[in-house]
């Protein structure tokens, strides 16, 4: 019964973890946002009450 032989499945497991831990993180970390977010001021915007024309 080949499913009881751990050699090929263990190799697949090790290779998949190698790909996940070595190849993919540098690609994710190297990602650059196209538009860097800008910091907004600490002051709150001035809000005015809405005048409903139908009331």
PDB file of N, CA and C in Angstrom:
ATOM      1  N   UNK A   1       0.844  -1.182   0.000  1.00  0.00           N
ATOM      2  CA  UNK A   1       0.000   0.000   0.000  1.00  0.00           C
ATOM      3  C   UNK A   1       0.889   1.245   0.000  1.00  0.00           C
ATOM      4  N   UNK A   2       0.912   1.990  -1.076  1.00  0.00           N
ATOM      5  CA  UNK A   2       1.842   3.116  -1.192  1.00  0.00           C
ATOM      6  C   UNK A   2       1.516   4.276  -0.258  1.00  0.00           C
ATOM      7  N   UNK A   3       0.268   4.416   0.195  1.00  0.00           N
ATOM      8  CA  UNK A   3      -0.055   5.543   1.058  1.00  0.00           C
ATOM      9  C   UNK A   3       0.601   5.430   2.437  1.00  0.00           C
ATOM     10  N   UNK A   4       1.109   4.263   2.783  1.00  0.00           N
ATOM     11  CA  UNK A   4       1.784   4.103   4.067  1.00  0.00           C
ATOM     12  C   UNK A   4       3.258   4.463   4.001  1.00  0.00           C
ATOM     13  N   UNK A   5       3.768   4.667   2.815  1.00  0.00           N
ATOM     14  CA  UNK A   5       5.170   5.052   2.655  1.00  0.00           C
ATOM     15  C   UNK A   5       5.267   6.570   2.804  1.00  0.00           C
ATOM     16  N   UNK A   6       5.905   7.091   3.876  1.00  0.00           N
ATOM     17  CA  UNK A   6       5.920   8.538   4.106  1.00  0.00           C
ATOM     18  C   UNK A   6       6.948   9.294   3.260  1.00  0.00           C
ATOM     19  N   UNK A   7       7.823   8.622   2.562  1.00  0.00           N
ATOM     20  CA  UNK A   7       8.911   9.305   1.867  1.00  0.00           C
ATOM     21  C   UNK A   7       8.430  10.319   0.823  1.00  0.00           C
ATOM     22  N   UNK A   8       7.565   9.975  -0.134  1.00  0.00           N
ATOM     23  CA  UNK A   8       7.199  10.993  -1.124  1.00  0.00           C
ATOM     24  C   UNK A   8       6.357  12.116  -0.529  1.00  0.00           C
ATOM     25  N   UNK A   9       5.480  11.803   0.424  1.00  0.00           N
ATOM     26  CA  UNK A   9       4.631  12.841   0.993  1.00  0.00           C
ATOM     27  C   UNK A   9       5.424  13.769   1.905  1.00  0.00           C
ATOM     28  N   UNK A  10       6.400  13.227   2.585  1.00  0.00           N
ATOM     29  CA  UNK A  10       7.245  14.077   3.428  1.00  0.00           C
ATOM     30  C   UNK A  10       8.072  15.026   2.574  1.00  0.00           C
ATOM     31  N   UNK A  11       8.562  14.544   1.441  1.00  0.00           N
ATOM     32  CA  UNK A  11       9.321  15.408   0.533  1.00  0.00           C
ATOM     33  C   UNK A  11       8.428  16.515  -0.032  1.00  0.00           C
ATOM     34  N   UNK A  12       7.193  16.184  -0.370  1.00  0.00           N
ATOM     35  CA  UNK A  12       6.254  17.196  -0.872  1.00  0.00           C
ATOM     36  C   UNK A  12       5.951  18.217   0.215  1.00  0.00           C
ATOM     37  N   UNK A  13       5.770  17.761   1.434  1.00  0.00           N
ATOM     38  CA  UNK A  13       5.509  18.669   2.549  1.00  0.00           C
ATOM     39  C   UNK A  13       6.678  19.623   2.763  1.00  0.00           C
ATOM     40  N   UNK A  14       7.888  19.096   2.793  1.00  0.00           N
ATOM     41  CA  UNK A  14       9.073  19.941   3.005  1.00  0.00           C
ATOM     42  C   UNK A  14       9.246  20.933   1.861  1.00  0.00           C
ATOM     43  N   UNK A  15       9.047  20.490   0.628  1.00  0.00           N
ATOM     44  CA  UNK A  15       9.207  21.380  -0.514  1.00  0.00           C
ATOM     45  C   UNK A  15       8.146  22.477  -0.514  1.00  0.00           C
ATOM     46  N   UNK A  16       6.923  22.150  -0.161  1.00  0.00           N
ATOM     47  CA  UNK A  16       5.876  23.167  -0.141  1.00  0.00           C
ATOM     48  C   UNK A  16       6.141  24.202   0.958  1.00  0.00           C
ATOM     49  N   UNK A  17       6.606  23.764   2.136  1.00  0.00           N
ATOM     50  CA  UNK A  17       6.965  24.718   3.176  1.00  0.00           C
ATOM     51  C   UNK A  17       8.168  25.547   2.775  1.00  0.00           C
ATOM     52  N   UNK A  18       9.096  24.955   2.062  1.00  0.00           N
ATOM     53  CA  UNK A  18      10.251  25.715   1.569  1.00  0.00           C
ATOM     54  C   UNK A  18       9.791  26.829   0.634  1.00  0.00           C
ATOM     55  N   UNK A  19       8.863  26.509  -0.242  1.00  0.00           N
ATOM     56  CA  UNK A  19       8.334  27.531  -1.156  1.00  0.00           C
ATOM     57  C   UNK A  19       7.587  28.604  -0.370  1.00  0.00           C
ATOM     58  N   UNK A  20       6.757  28.202   0.567  1.00  0.00           N
ATOM     59  CA  UNK A  20       5.962  29.173   1.309  1.00  0.00           C
ATOM     60  C   UNK A  20       6.813  30.086   2.197  1.00  0.00           C
ATOM     61  N   UNK A  21       7.886  29.568   2.756  1.00  0.00           N
ATOM     62  CA  UNK A  21       8.666  30.351   3.711  1.00  0.00           C
ATOM     63  C   UNK A  21       9.871  31.058   3.111  1.00  0.00           C
ATOM     64  N   UNK A  22      10.317  30.644   1.922  1.00  0.00           N
ATOM     65  CA  UNK A  22      11.523  31.246   1.341  1.00  0.00           C
ATOM     66  C   UNK A  22      11.209  32.077   0.106  1.00  0.00           C
ATOM     67  N   UNK A  23      10.323  31.621  -0.733  1.00  0.00           N
ATOM     68  CA  UNK A  23      10.090  32.280  -2.012  1.00  0.00           C
ATOM     69  C   UNK A  23       9.029  33.372  -1.902  1.00  0.00           C
ATOM     70  N   UNK A  24       7.929  33.088  -1.240  1.00  0.00           N
ATOM     71  CA  UNK A  24       6.793  34.007  -1.248  1.00  0.00           C
ATOM     72  C   UNK A  24       6.975  35.244  -0.357  1.00  0.00           C
ATOM     73  N   UNK A  25       7.518  35.159   0.881  1.00  0.00           N
ATOM     74  CA  UNK A  25       7.621  36.372   1.707  1.00  0.00           C
ATOM     75  C   UNK A  25       8.427  37.506   1.084  1.00  0.00           C
ATOM     76  N   UNK A  26       9.570  37.271   0.434  1.00  0.00           N
ATOM     77  CA  UNK A  26      10.238  38.417  -0.194  1.00  0.00           C
ATOM     78  C   UNK A  26       9.399  39.086  -1.278  1.00  0.00           C
ATOM     79  N   UNK A  27       8.593  38.320  -1.986  1.00  0.00           N
ATOM     80  CA  UNK A  27       7.727  38.915  -3.003  1.00  0.00           C
ATOM     81  C   UNK A  27       6.656  39.788  -2.360  1.00  0.00           C
ATOM     82  N   UNK A  28       6.123  39.357  -1.234  1.00  0.00           N
ATOM     83  CA  UNK A  28       5.090  40.142  -0.553  1.00  0.00           C
ATOM     84  C   UNK A  28       5.697  41.390   0.074  1.00  0.00           C
ATOM     85  N   UNK A  29       6.866  41.266   0.671  1.00  0.00           N
ATOM     86  CA  UNK A  29       7.507  42.404   1.334  1.00  0.00           C
ATOM     87  C   UNK A  29       7.965  43.440   0.310  1.00  0.00           C
ATOM     88  N   UNK A  30       8.327  43.018  -0.883  1.00  0.00           N
ATOM     89  CA  UNK A  30       8.809  43.944  -1.906  1.00  0.00           C
ATOM     90  C   UNK A  30       7.684  44.711  -2.586  1.00  0.00           C
ATOM     91  N   UNK A  31       6.441  44.412  -2.244  1.00  0.00           N
ATOM     92  CA  UNK A  31       5.313  45.095  -2.866  1.00  0.00           C
ATOM     93  C   UNK A  31       5.310  46.562  -2.481  1.00  0.00           C
ATOM     94  N   UNK A  32       5.106  47.419  -3.461  1.00  0.00           N
ATOM     95  CA  UNK A  32       5.076  48.863  -3.244  1.00  0.00           C
ATOM     96  C   UNK A  32       3.686  49.364  -3.627  1.00  0.00           C
ATOM     97  N   UNK A  33       3.096  50.164  -2.770  1.00  0.00           N
ATOM     98  CA  UNK A  33       1.807  50.760  -3.084  1.00  0.00           C
ATOM     99  C   UNK A  33       1.993  51.823  -4.158  1.00  0.00           C
ATOM    100  N   UNK A  34       1.065  51.910  -5.068  1.00  0.00           N
ATOM    101  CA  UNK A  34       1.147  52.900  -6.131  1.00  0.00           C
ATOM    102  C   UNK A  34       0.958  54.311  -5.587  1.00  0.00           C
ATOM    103  N   UNK A  35       0.023  54.486  -4.686  1.00  0.00           N
ATOM    104  CA  UNK A  35      -0.243  55.796  -4.099  1.00  0.00           C
ATOM    105  C   UNK A  35      -0.002  55.711  -2.601  1.00  0.00           C
ATOM    106  N   UNK A  36       1.045  56.348  -2.143  1.00  0.00           N
ATOM    107  CA  UNK A  36       1.336  56.340  -0.713  1.00  0.00           C
ATOM    108  C   UNK A  36       0.284  57.175   0.023  1.00  0.00           C
ATOM    109  N   UNK A  37      -0.227  56.699   1.138  1.00  0.00           N
ATOM    110  CA  UNK A  37      -1.231  57.478   1.859  1.00  0.00           C
ATOM    111  C   UNK A  37      -0.620  58.728   2.478  1.00  0.00           C
ATOM    112  N   UNK A  38      -1.386  59.793   2.468  1.00  0.00           N
ATOM    113  CA  UNK A  38      -0.904  61.042   3.053  1.00  0.00           C
ATOM    114  C   UNK A  38      -1.501  61.197   4.448  1.00  0.00           C
ATOM    115  N   UNK A  39      -0.744  61.803   5.327  1.00  0.00           N
ATOM    116  CA  UNK A  39      -1.222  62.039   6.688  1.00  0.00           C
ATOM    117  C   UNK A  39      -2.165  63.233   6.690  1.00  0.00           C
ATOM    118  N   UNK A  40      -3.243  63.117   7.432  1.00  0.00           N
ATOM    119  CA  UNK A  40      -4.176  64.223   7.528  1.00  0.00           C
ATOM    120  C   UNK A  40      -3.934  64.961   8.833  1.00  0.00           C
ATOM    121  N   UNK A  41      -4.327  66.215   8.849  1.00  0.00           N
ATOM    122  CA  UNK A  41      -4.132  67.039  10.030  1.00  0.00           C
ATOM    123  C   UNK A  41      -4.953  66.562  11.206  1.00  0.00           C
ATOM    124  N   UNK A  42      -4.591  67.022  12.396  1.00  0.00           N
ATOM    125  CA  UNK A  42      -5.273  66.603  13.608  1.00  0.00           C
ATOM    126  C   UNK A  42      -6.570  67.362  13.827  1.00  0.00           C
ATOM    127  N   UNK A  43      -6.780  68.472  13.110  1.00  0.00           N
ATOM    128  CA  UNK A  43      -7.989  69.257  13.330  1.00  0.00           C
ATOM    129  C   UNK A  43      -9.198  68.555  12.703  1.00  0.00           C
ATOM    130  N   UNK A  44     -10.317  68.668  13.364  1.00  0.00           N
ATOM    131  CA  UNK A  44     -11.526  68.023  12.862  1.00  0.00           C
ATOM    132  C   UNK A  44     -12.232  68.971  11.897  1.00  0.00           C
ATOM    133  N   UNK A  45     -12.843  68.437  10.867  1.00  0.00           N
ATOM    134  CA  UNK A  45     -13.546  69.311   9.929  1.00  0.00           C
ATOM    135  C   UNK A  45     -14.784  69.937  10.572  1.00  0.00           C
ATOM    136  N   UNK A  46     -15.101  71.132  10.112  1.00  0.00           N
ATOM    137  CA  UNK A  46     -16.230  71.855  10.653  1.00  0.00           C
ATOM    138  C   UNK A  46     -17.507  71.329   9.994  1.00  0.00           C
ATOM    139  N   UNK A  47     -18.438  70.884  10.802  1.00  0.00           N
ATOM    140  CA  UNK A  47     -19.692  70.363  10.256  1.00  0.00           C
ATOM    141  C   UNK A  47     -20.820  71.349  10.532  1.00  0.00           C
ATOM    142  N   UNK A  48     -21.714  71.453   9.579  1.00  0.00           N
ATOM    143  CA  UNK A  48     -22.875  72.330   9.733  1.00  0.00           C
ATOM    144  C   UNK A  48     -24.139  71.483   9.633  1.00  0.00           C
ATOM    145  N   UNK A  49     -25.192  71.964  10.265  1.00  0.00           N
ATOM    146  CA  UNK A  49     -26.437  71.214  10.217  1.00  0.00           C
ATOM    147  C   UNK A  49     -27.055  71.319   8.825  1.00  0.00           C
ATOM    148  N   UNK A  50     -27.730  70.267   8.441  1.00  0.00           N
ATOM    149  CA  UNK A  50     -28.343  70.222   7.121  1.00  0.00           C
ATOM    150  C   UNK A  50     -29.704  70.911   7.181  1.00  0.00           C
ATOM    151  N   UNK A  51     -29.946  71.779   6.211  1.00  0.00           N
ATOM    152  CA  UNK A  51     -31.259  72.426   6.126  1.00  0.00           C
ATOM    153  C   UNK A  51     -32.076  71.676   5.101  1.00  0.00           C
ATOM    154  N   UNK A  52     -33.110  70.978   5.562  1.00  0.00           N
ATOM    155  CA  UNK A  52     -33.932  70.189   4.677  1.00  0.00           C
ATOM    156  C   UNK A  52     -34.944  71.076   3.987  1.00  0.00           C
ATOM    157  N   UNK A  53     -34.933  71.145   2.656  1.00  0.00           N
ATOM    158  CA  UNK A  53     -35.852  72.068   1.969  1.00  0.00           C
ATOM    159  C   UNK A  53     -37.307  71.622   2.006  1.00  0.00           C
ATOM    160  N   UNK A  54     -37.607  70.367   2.300  1.00  0.00           N
ATOM    161  CA  UNK A  54     -39.000  69.912   2.263  1.00  0.00           C
ATOM    162  C   UNK A  54     -39.666  69.906   3.625  1.00  0.00           C
ATOM    163  N   UNK A  55     -39.037  70.426   4.648  1.00  0.00           N
ATOM    164  CA  UNK A  55     -39.675  70.473   5.957  1.00  0.00           C
ATOM    165  C   UNK A  55     -39.943  71.888   6.372  1.00  0.00           C
TER     166      UNK A  55
END
